[in-house]
Every structure is written in C-alpha cells, then in structure tokens.
C-alpha cells in the first residue's frame, strides 16, 4: 500500500506516521509538509510545499496512491474565521481533489474532532467548518473514507504536541496514563495510527469514528 500523510510534524500525524513505518503492509509513504521532518527511512519520501493551496503544482507526485491520511489541524484559539477555514476546509478541498484525480479507488481519512457539526449550520464556527470539510470528503466518491472525530488522545513513543499548553497537560497526566488507557473513550496516538491503517483493508459501516470506535478498529486484523 502506498500512502500520503499530511500533518506529520504534529502530534497526531507523527503518531500515524510511526505506525505506518512499522507496518509491513505499507510499502511507501509520501509526507506532505511545509518543513522537513528529516526522517531517514526506506519507506518515507517528503514533498515540501510552503502553501498547500498550491499543491496542484505537484499533482503528478500525488498520482496512484492507495490512501491519504489527512492529519493537518490547528487550534481555533486565536485563529480568525478566514484563516481557520483556509487550513481546515480550503486546503482539505484542494488535497481531496488531487488525491481523487490520482486514484478514485483510494481511501481518504481525515482527523476532525469531537463535536464536529455535520449540518454545517450550528452556532460554533470551528465545528461548522470541520463539518463542511467532512461532508466534502464523504461525498467525493472515494472507494472509502472515514472521519476520525478523536477526543482525548494520549501521545506515546516520545511524541509531543506542538502546543505548549497541551504538553503541560500531558506532563501532569503522564503518571495516570496506565489508568487512562483502560477507558474506551480515551485513545492513543498508537491506536489512532493502527485504526487508520486498518481501514485500508476492511470496510466499516460507520464512517464517523469516535474514540470508542477508533480503539475497536485499531485491534482488528
């Protein structure tokens, strides 16, 4: 399987990348980032693009992939509606179109969030925009697609968040990780990555996945 991963400089995307690198079913990984991760691995290639709205320049490089794990995300705190829409919807739309053009039979997975608004009409700005992005993906016509509405995610394998306040929270909570992992409504970067990979090989009835379903799918082989 040949995969595209976005957002691998962030906590979630890096967790997904780590699982893909260790899974023998994944043969090639193309990372699309603005800055290099400088990872030396036989499966991994990098495509650096400063402005993702200009991804069309690289459409040949995006041809023929079996799946795309779109893990780009930003905090809504301090972000204008215009900038948030650009990152969450406009970039997603551009990427979806190019991946679909390259292979209509691919699987497209998207990291959204708990509370996303599928109606696109609710009072919360970020939830409407994420709902709009989800709907665009689900209606595109891919072989399959899943919306990962993750809630609490525990970072593993030395992964850290790029958001300082989150890292402070994780540092305080780390002694409780063994206990927290027991709860089905909490997931980990490892489980999230494994669940994404497993959607490539088995179809699941539900296309919008919360932490409970993410944990369940992560164990299916």
Protein backbone atom coordinates (compact mmCIF):
# COMPACT_ATOMS: atom_id res chain seq x y z
CA UNK A 1 0.00 0.00 0.00
CA UNK A 2 1.18 3.49 -0.95
CA UNK A 3 0.10 6.30 1.38
CA UNK A 4 0.06 10.07 1.62
CA UNK A 5 0.26 11.59 5.11
CA UNK A 6 -0.19 15.27 5.90
CA UNK A 7 0.45 16.93 9.24
CA UNK A 8 3.25 14.58 10.30
CA UNK A 9 5.05 17.42 12.07
CA UNK A 10 2.19 17.47 14.59
CA UNK A 11 1.39 15.07 17.42
CA UNK A 12 -1.39 13.13 15.70
CA UNK A 13 0.24 12.95 12.28
CA UNK A 14 3.54 11.83 13.74
CA UNK A 15 1.81 9.06 15.66
CA UNK A 16 0.13 7.90 12.45
CA UNK A 17 3.46 8.03 10.61
CA UNK A 18 5.24 5.92 13.25
CA UNK A 19 2.63 3.17 12.93
CA UNK A 20 2.77 3.24 9.14
CA UNK A 21 6.56 2.91 9.17
CA UNK A 22 6.42 -0.23 11.29
CA UNK A 23 3.51 -1.89 9.44
CA UNK A 24 4.71 -4.31 6.74
CA UNK A 25 1.53 -3.77 4.72
CA UNK A 26 2.57 -0.19 4.00
CA UNK A 27 5.23 -0.07 1.29
CA UNK A 28 5.58 3.66 0.56
CA UNK A 29 4.79 6.84 2.48
CA UNK A 30 4.73 10.31 0.98
CA UNK A 31 4.82 13.07 3.60
CA UNK A 32 3.46 16.45 2.56
CA UNK A 33 4.79 19.12 4.90
CA UNK A 34 5.88 22.73 4.90
CA UNK A 35 9.09 21.85 6.77
CA UNK A 36 11.12 18.66 6.63
CA UNK A 37 10.99 16.01 9.35
CA UNK A 38 14.43 14.79 8.25
CA UNK A 39 13.40 11.17 8.67
CA UNK A 40 15.74 8.61 7.13
CA UNK A 41 13.57 5.58 6.39
CA UNK A 42 13.35 3.42 3.25
CA UNK A 43 9.57 3.81 3.02
CA UNK A 44 9.44 7.56 3.51
CA UNK A 45 9.65 10.34 0.94
CA UNK A 46 8.93 14.01 1.56
CA UNK A 47 7.21 16.59 -0.57
CA UNK A 48 7.75 20.11 0.79
CA UNK A 49 5.10 22.68 -0.08
CA UNK A 50 5.05 26.05 1.63
CA UNK A 51 1.46 26.83 0.57
CA UNK A 52 -0.85 23.81 0.38
CA UNK A 53 -3.26 25.78 -1.80
CA UNK A 54 -0.59 25.43 -4.49
CA UNK A 55 -0.48 21.62 -4.28
CA UNK A 56 -1.73 21.35 -7.84
CA UNK A 57 1.86 22.01 -8.95
CA UNK A 58 2.66 18.54 -7.58
CA UNK A 59 -0.32 16.61 -8.97
CA UNK A 60 1.95 14.13 -10.77
CA UNK A 61 3.65 13.28 -7.48
CA UNK A 62 0.23 12.56 -5.93
CA UNK A 63 -0.82 10.06 -8.56
CA UNK A 64 -1.71 6.45 -7.82
CA UNK A 65 -1.75 6.34 -4.02
CA UNK A 66 -3.95 3.81 -2.20
CA UNK A 67 -4.81 6.09 0.70
CA UNK A 68 -4.42 9.53 2.22
CA UNK A 69 -4.31 10.22 5.95
CA UNK A 70 -5.03 13.93 6.29
CA UNK A 71 -3.86 14.92 9.77
CA UNK A 72 -3.39 18.68 9.47
CA UNK A 73 -5.02 20.66 12.24
CA UNK A 74 -4.75 23.93 14.11
CA UNK A 75 -6.16 25.29 17.33
CA UNK A 76 -9.14 27.55 16.90
CA UNK A 77 -7.83 29.71 19.76
CA UNK A 78 -6.54 32.96 18.28
CA UNK A 79 -7.36 31.98 14.70
CA UNK A 80 -9.61 34.14 12.55
CA UNK A 81 -12.53 32.50 10.76
CA UNK A 82 -10.83 33.15 7.41
CA UNK A 83 -7.55 31.52 8.41
CA UNK A 84 -9.25 28.60 10.13
CA UNK A 85 -11.37 27.96 7.03
CA UNK A 86 -8.27 28.11 4.83
CA UNK A 87 -6.42 25.46 6.84
CA UNK A 88 -9.33 23.15 7.65
CA UNK A 89 -11.55 23.43 4.58
CA UNK A 90 -9.79 25.09 1.64
CA UNK A 91 -6.60 23.03 1.93
CA UNK A 92 -8.63 19.87 2.51
CA UNK A 93 -10.73 20.53 -0.58
CA UNK A 94 -7.61 21.02 -2.71
CA UNK A 95 -5.97 17.86 -1.39
CA UNK A 96 -9.14 15.78 -1.78
CA UNK A 97 -9.49 16.81 -5.42
CA UNK A 98 -5.89 15.90 -6.24
CA UNK A 99 -5.93 12.55 -4.42
CA UNK A 100 -9.21 11.65 -6.14
CA UNK A 101 -7.79 12.66 -9.50
CA UNK A 102 -4.79 10.40 -8.85
CA UNK A 103 -6.84 7.37 -7.75
CA UNK A 104 -10.61 7.24 -7.32
CA UNK A 105 -10.28 3.87 -5.57
CA UNK A 106 -8.24 5.24 -2.67
CA UNK A 107 -9.25 5.57 0.98
CA UNK A 108 -9.28 9.08 2.41
CA UNK A 109 -9.12 9.51 6.21
CA UNK A 110 -9.48 12.86 7.95
CA UNK A 111 -8.69 13.92 11.52
CA UNK A 112 -11.52 16.16 12.67
CA UNK A 113 -12.67 16.35 16.27
CA UNK A 114 -15.33 15.54 18.79
CA UNK A 115 -18.25 17.93 18.38
CA UNK A 116 -17.89 18.46 14.63
CA UNK A 117 -21.14 19.75 13.10
CA UNK A 118 -22.28 17.69 10.10
CA UNK A 119 -25.22 20.04 9.49
CA UNK A 120 -22.82 22.98 8.90
CA UNK A 121 -25.49 25.20 10.50
CA UNK A 122 -24.68 25.16 14.21
CA UNK A 123 -23.51 28.12 16.30
CA UNK A 124 -19.87 27.01 16.68
CA UNK A 125 -17.59 28.25 13.91
CA UNK A 126 -14.90 25.56 14.02
CA UNK A 127 -17.50 22.77 14.19
CA UNK A 128 -19.31 24.09 11.08
CA UNK A 129 -16.09 24.35 9.08
CA UNK A 130 -14.93 20.87 10.05
CA UNK A 131 -18.39 19.55 9.21
CA UNK A 132 -18.17 21.17 5.79
CA UNK A 133 -14.78 19.52 5.20
CA UNK A 134 -16.10 16.13 6.34
CA UNK A 135 -19.10 16.37 4.02
CA UNK A 136 -16.92 17.28 1.06
CA UNK A 137 -14.76 14.19 1.60
CA UNK A 138 -17.66 11.82 2.23
CA UNK A 139 -19.49 12.99 -0.90
CA UNK A 140 -16.46 12.98 -3.20
CA UNK A 141 -16.80 9.35 -4.27
CA UNK A 142 -13.71 7.67 -2.88
CA UNK A 143 -13.65 3.89 -2.50
CA UNK A 144 -13.96 4.63 1.22
CA UNK A 145 -13.41 7.45 3.69
CA UNK A 146 -13.52 7.86 7.46
CA UNK A 147 -13.81 10.88 9.70
CA UNK A 148 -11.76 10.42 12.86
CA UNK A 149 -13.54 12.53 15.46
CA UNK A 150 -11.00 11.90 18.17
CA UNK A 151 -11.50 13.30 21.64
CA UNK A 152 -8.75 12.85 24.24
CA UNK A 153 -5.60 11.44 22.63
CA UNK A 154 -2.64 10.30 24.71
CA UNK A 155 0.74 10.71 22.96
CA UNK A 156 3.03 7.67 23.00
CA UNK A 157 6.54 6.71 21.85
CA UNK A 158 8.05 10.04 22.85
CA UNK A 159 5.69 12.10 20.70
CA UNK A 160 4.92 15.62 21.89
CA UNK A 161 2.29 18.15 20.94
CA UNK A 162 3.38 21.36 19.22
CA UNK A 163 1.02 23.25 21.56
CA UNK A 164 2.77 24.14 24.82
CA UNK A 165 -0.33 24.09 27.00
CA UNK A 166 -1.16 20.58 25.76
CA UNK A 167 2.35 19.40 26.57
CA UNK A 168 1.96 20.79 30.08
CA UNK A 169 -1.31 18.91 30.46
CA UNK A 170 0.24 15.67 29.20
CA UNK A 171 3.20 16.07 31.55
CA UNK A 172 0.90 16.42 34.55
CA UNK A 173 -1.26 13.49 33.46
CA UNK A 174 1.57 11.12 32.47
CA UNK A 175 1.58 9.18 35.78
CA UNK A 176 -2.08 8.36 35.11
CA UNK A 177 -1.53 7.05 31.56
CA UNK A 178 -1.73 3.35 32.54
CA UNK A 179 -5.12 4.01 34.13
CA UNK A 180 -6.40 6.33 31.40
CA UNK A 181 -5.64 3.80 28.66
CA UNK A 182 -8.24 1.50 30.20
CA UNK A 183 -11.10 3.87 29.40
CA UNK A 184 -12.66 3.21 25.95
CA UNK A 185 -13.46 6.91 25.46
CA UNK A 186 -9.73 7.79 25.53
CA UNK A 187 -7.44 6.80 22.66
CA UNK A 188 -3.69 6.99 21.94
CA UNK A 189 -1.56 8.06 19.00
CA UNK A 190 -0.70 4.37 18.53
CA UNK A 191 -4.33 3.23 18.38
CA UNK A 192 -5.22 6.10 16.09
CA UNK A 193 -2.49 5.15 13.64
CA UNK A 194 -3.40 1.46 13.71
CA UNK A 195 -7.09 2.24 13.18
CA UNK A 196 -6.29 4.40 10.16
CA UNK A 197 -4.18 1.65 8.64
CA UNK A 198 -6.84 -0.99 9.28
CA UNK A 199 -9.49 1.00 7.38
CA UNK A 200 -7.41 0.38 4.25
CA UNK A 201 -8.02 -3.35 4.45
CA UNK A 202 -11.53 -3.72 5.83
CA UNK A 203 -14.69 -1.70 5.21
CA UNK A 204 -16.57 -0.43 8.26
CA UNK A 205 -20.22 0.52 8.27
CA UNK A 206 -19.77 3.68 10.30
CA UNK A 207 -17.79 6.40 8.58
CA UNK A 208 -17.65 8.82 11.51
CA UNK A 209 -15.47 7.35 14.23
CA UNK A 210 -15.26 8.44 17.87
CA UNK A 211 -12.59 7.25 20.31
CA UNK A 212 -14.53 4.12 21.21
CA UNK A 213 -14.70 3.03 17.56
CA UNK A 214 -11.10 4.11 16.90
CA UNK A 215 -9.91 1.84 19.71
CA UNK A 216 -12.06 -1.02 18.45
CA UNK A 217 -10.90 -0.75 14.84
CA UNK A 218 -7.26 -0.47 15.91
CA UNK A 219 -7.41 -4.09 17.15
CA UNK A 220 -9.00 -5.57 14.01
CA UNK A 221 -6.74 -7.55 11.69
